[in-house]
Amino acid sequence: MKNKFSINLEVTLVEIILSVLIFAIAGVISLNCFFIARFTQIKANDKVIAGNLIQSNIEIIKSLNSSDEAEDFLLHNFKLLKSENNVHTYINFYDKSWKLSNDVDNEYFITVNISDEFSNNGTLMDIELIAERIKPYPFLNKNNNNQAIYTIETNKFFPSY
């Protein structure tokens, strides 16, 4: 004769499968959240480092006294990518730890676009610095082709004396 309490304690196979399935789904969701948080942190760190590099370069350019000095600074610190009319584009590649790199292990790059407008009183230089990542961040920016991390646009007027 069976006891009344033993009948209620039996667990069916369907209940066990459902509980394992629920825990598996919860595990997948939580792992996805951890991965997204990890790459969001990496992106935030990249934004801080790129901001420091770009802001220091823009402050150096703005502290110079002439457009020739600015051009010399850019030629010594960046590679000239192209030069058309009054628009010059410079570029630097960086590895995954934001060190200057010439290898194929490039992870980031900074582009400097300079356009000069000449007048009788001097030269107005439009400056744009953009830090970008070559490969997209995993789990982030899935539908966004723009990999820009940090961008600054500014002007500097160099008077002619």
Protein backbone atom coordinates (compact mmCIF):
# COMPACT_ATOMS: atom_id res chain seq x y z
CA MET A 1 0.00 0.00 0.00
CA LYS A 2 1.37 3.40 -1.01
CA ASN A 3 1.57 6.26 1.32
CA LYS A 4 -0.31 9.46 0.36
CA PHE A 5 2.83 11.56 0.72
CA SER A 6 4.92 9.50 -1.70
CA ILE A 7 2.46 10.00 -4.56
CA ASN A 8 2.87 13.81 -4.38
CA LEU A 9 6.68 13.64 -4.29
CA GLU A 10 7.11 11.98 -7.65
CA VAL A 11 8.43 14.36 -10.33
CA THR A 12 7.68 13.68 -13.93
CA LEU A 13 10.27 13.75 -16.69
CA VAL A 14 8.46 16.63 -18.42
CA GLU A 15 8.82 18.86 -15.34
CA ILE A 16 12.56 18.14 -15.14
CA ILE A 17 13.04 18.94 -18.85
CA LEU A 18 11.07 22.18 -18.50
CA SER A 19 13.11 23.33 -15.51
CA VAL A 20 16.41 22.57 -17.27
CA LEU A 21 15.17 24.42 -20.37
CA ILE A 22 14.21 27.48 -18.31
CA PHE A 23 17.65 27.57 -16.64
CA ALA A 24 19.39 27.14 -20.02
CA ILE A 25 17.47 30.08 -21.53
CA ALA A 26 18.22 32.23 -18.48
CA GLY A 27 21.91 31.28 -18.77
CA VAL A 28 22.09 32.25 -22.44
CA ILE A 29 20.43 35.62 -21.75
CA SER A 30 22.76 36.39 -18.84
CA LEU A 31 25.88 35.41 -20.85
CA ASN A 32 24.75 37.67 -23.67
CA CYS A 33 24.35 40.53 -21.18
CA PHE A 34 27.86 39.91 -19.79
CA PHE A 35 29.37 39.93 -23.30
CA ILE A 36 27.56 43.15 -24.21
CA ALA A 37 28.75 44.75 -20.95
CA ARG A 38 32.34 43.65 -21.65
CA PHE A 39 32.47 45.17 -25.13
CA THR A 40 30.66 48.30 -23.96
CA GLN A 41 33.43 48.74 -21.40
CA ILE A 42 36.09 48.24 -24.10
CA LYS A 43 34.35 50.83 -26.30
CA ALA A 44 34.20 53.31 -23.40
CA ASN A 45 37.92 52.82 -22.69
CA ASP A 46 38.69 53.33 -26.38
CA LYS A 47 36.66 56.53 -26.37
CA VAL A 48 38.68 57.90 -23.44
CA ILE A 49 42.05 57.03 -25.00
CA ALA A 50 41.02 58.33 -28.44
CA GLY A 51 39.71 61.52 -26.84
CA ASN A 52 43.02 62.10 -25.09
CA LEU A 53 45.03 61.56 -28.29
CA ILE A 54 42.78 63.72 -30.45
CA GLN A 55 42.44 66.54 -27.94
CA SER A 56 46.19 66.72 -27.34
CA ASN A 57 46.86 66.86 -31.09
CA ILE A 58 44.19 69.51 -31.67
CA GLU A 59 45.57 71.65 -28.82
CA ILE A 60 49.07 71.44 -30.26
CA ILE A 61 47.81 72.47 -33.70
CA LYS A 62 45.82 75.36 -32.25
CA SER A 63 48.84 76.56 -30.25
CA LEU A 64 51.04 76.95 -33.33
CA ASN A 65 51.66 80.38 -34.85
CA SER A 66 51.32 79.72 -38.57
CA SER A 67 49.79 77.29 -41.02
CA ASP A 68 53.31 76.26 -42.09
CA GLU A 69 54.11 75.23 -38.51
CA ALA A 70 50.87 73.25 -38.39
CA GLU A 71 51.75 71.52 -41.64
CA ASP A 72 55.24 70.66 -40.35
CA PHE A 73 53.76 69.26 -37.14
CA LEU A 74 51.32 67.09 -39.09
CA LEU A 75 53.99 65.84 -41.50
CA HIS A 76 56.27 64.82 -38.61
CA ASN A 77 53.55 63.14 -36.56
CA PHE A 78 51.21 61.70 -39.20
CA LYS A 79 51.48 60.15 -42.64
CA LEU A 80 50.17 62.20 -45.55
CA LEU A 81 47.41 60.13 -47.14
CA LYS A 82 46.29 62.51 -49.88
CA SER A 83 46.48 66.14 -50.84
CA GLU A 84 43.99 67.73 -53.25
CA ASN A 85 43.73 71.47 -53.82
CA ASN A 86 43.56 72.97 -50.31
CA VAL A 87 42.47 69.77 -48.55
CA HIS A 88 45.07 67.54 -46.88
CA THR A 89 44.39 64.19 -45.22
CA TYR A 90 46.79 62.65 -42.73
CA ILE A 91 46.53 59.26 -41.01
CA ASN A 92 48.09 57.23 -38.19
CA PHE A 93 47.50 53.56 -37.41
CA TYR A 94 47.48 52.11 -33.89
CA ASP A 95 47.57 48.60 -32.46
CA LYS A 96 45.13 47.19 -29.89
CA SER A 97 46.87 49.00 -27.02
CA TRP A 98 46.83 52.37 -28.87
CA LYS A 99 50.55 52.37 -29.71
CA LEU A 100 51.65 53.68 -33.12
CA SER A 101 51.82 50.78 -35.52
CA ASN A 102 53.07 50.09 -39.03
CA ASP A 103 52.31 46.37 -38.93
CA VAL A 104 49.30 44.51 -40.24
CA ASP A 105 47.93 44.21 -36.68
CA ASN A 106 46.24 47.60 -36.89
CA GLU A 107 43.16 47.96 -34.72
CA TYR A 108 42.51 51.74 -34.79
CA PHE A 109 43.38 54.75 -36.90
CA ILE A 110 43.19 58.51 -36.55
CA THR A 111 42.47 60.63 -39.60
CA VAL A 112 43.21 64.35 -39.76
CA ASN A 113 41.44 66.39 -42.46
CA ILE A 114 42.76 69.92 -42.99
CA SER A 115 41.25 72.39 -45.41
CA ASP A 116 42.74 75.84 -45.88
CA GLU A 117 40.86 78.96 -46.90
CA PHE A 118 43.16 81.79 -47.88
CA SER A 119 42.31 85.48 -47.65
CA ASN A 120 44.18 88.78 -47.60
CA ASN A 121 44.21 88.79 -43.80
CA GLY A 122 45.44 85.25 -43.26
CA THR A 123 44.55 81.59 -43.47
CA LEU A 124 41.53 79.90 -41.93
CA MET A 125 42.25 76.26 -41.28
CA ASP A 126 39.31 73.87 -40.86
CA ILE A 127 40.50 70.91 -38.80
CA GLU A 128 38.73 67.60 -38.32
CA LEU A 129 40.19 64.70 -36.35
CA ILE A 130 38.44 61.32 -36.35
CA ALA A 131 39.42 58.21 -34.40
CA GLU A 132 37.98 55.00 -35.82
CA ARG A 133 38.14 51.27 -35.21
CA ILE A 134 38.92 49.05 -38.19
CA LYS A 135 36.73 46.11 -37.14
CA PRO A 136 33.33 46.59 -35.50
CA TYR A 137 32.88 45.85 -31.82
CA PRO A 138 31.36 42.38 -31.30
CA PHE A 139 27.77 42.48 -30.01
CA LEU A 140 27.68 46.27 -30.64
CA ASN A 141 27.03 48.38 -33.74
CA LYS A 142 25.52 45.48 -35.67
CA ASN A 143 23.65 47.70 -38.14
CA ASN A 144 25.98 50.69 -38.03
CA ASN A 145 28.78 50.88 -40.62
CA ASN A 146 30.30 53.99 -39.04
CA GLN A 147 33.04 52.87 -36.68
CA ALA A 148 33.97 56.37 -35.48
CA ILE A 149 34.96 56.39 -31.83
CA TYR A 150 35.68 60.08 -31.34
CA THR A 151 35.45 63.16 -33.59
CA ILE A 152 36.43 66.80 -33.18
CA GLU A 153 35.90 69.60 -35.69
CA THR A 154 37.36 73.04 -35.12
CA ASN A 155 38.84 76.08 -36.87
CA LYS A 156 42.06 78.03 -36.42
CA PHE A 157 42.79 81.40 -38.00
CA PHE A 158 46.43 82.20 -38.72
CA PRO A 159 46.78 85.93 -39.45
CA SER A 160 49.26 87.16 -42.04
CA TYR A 161 51.38 90.02 -40.75
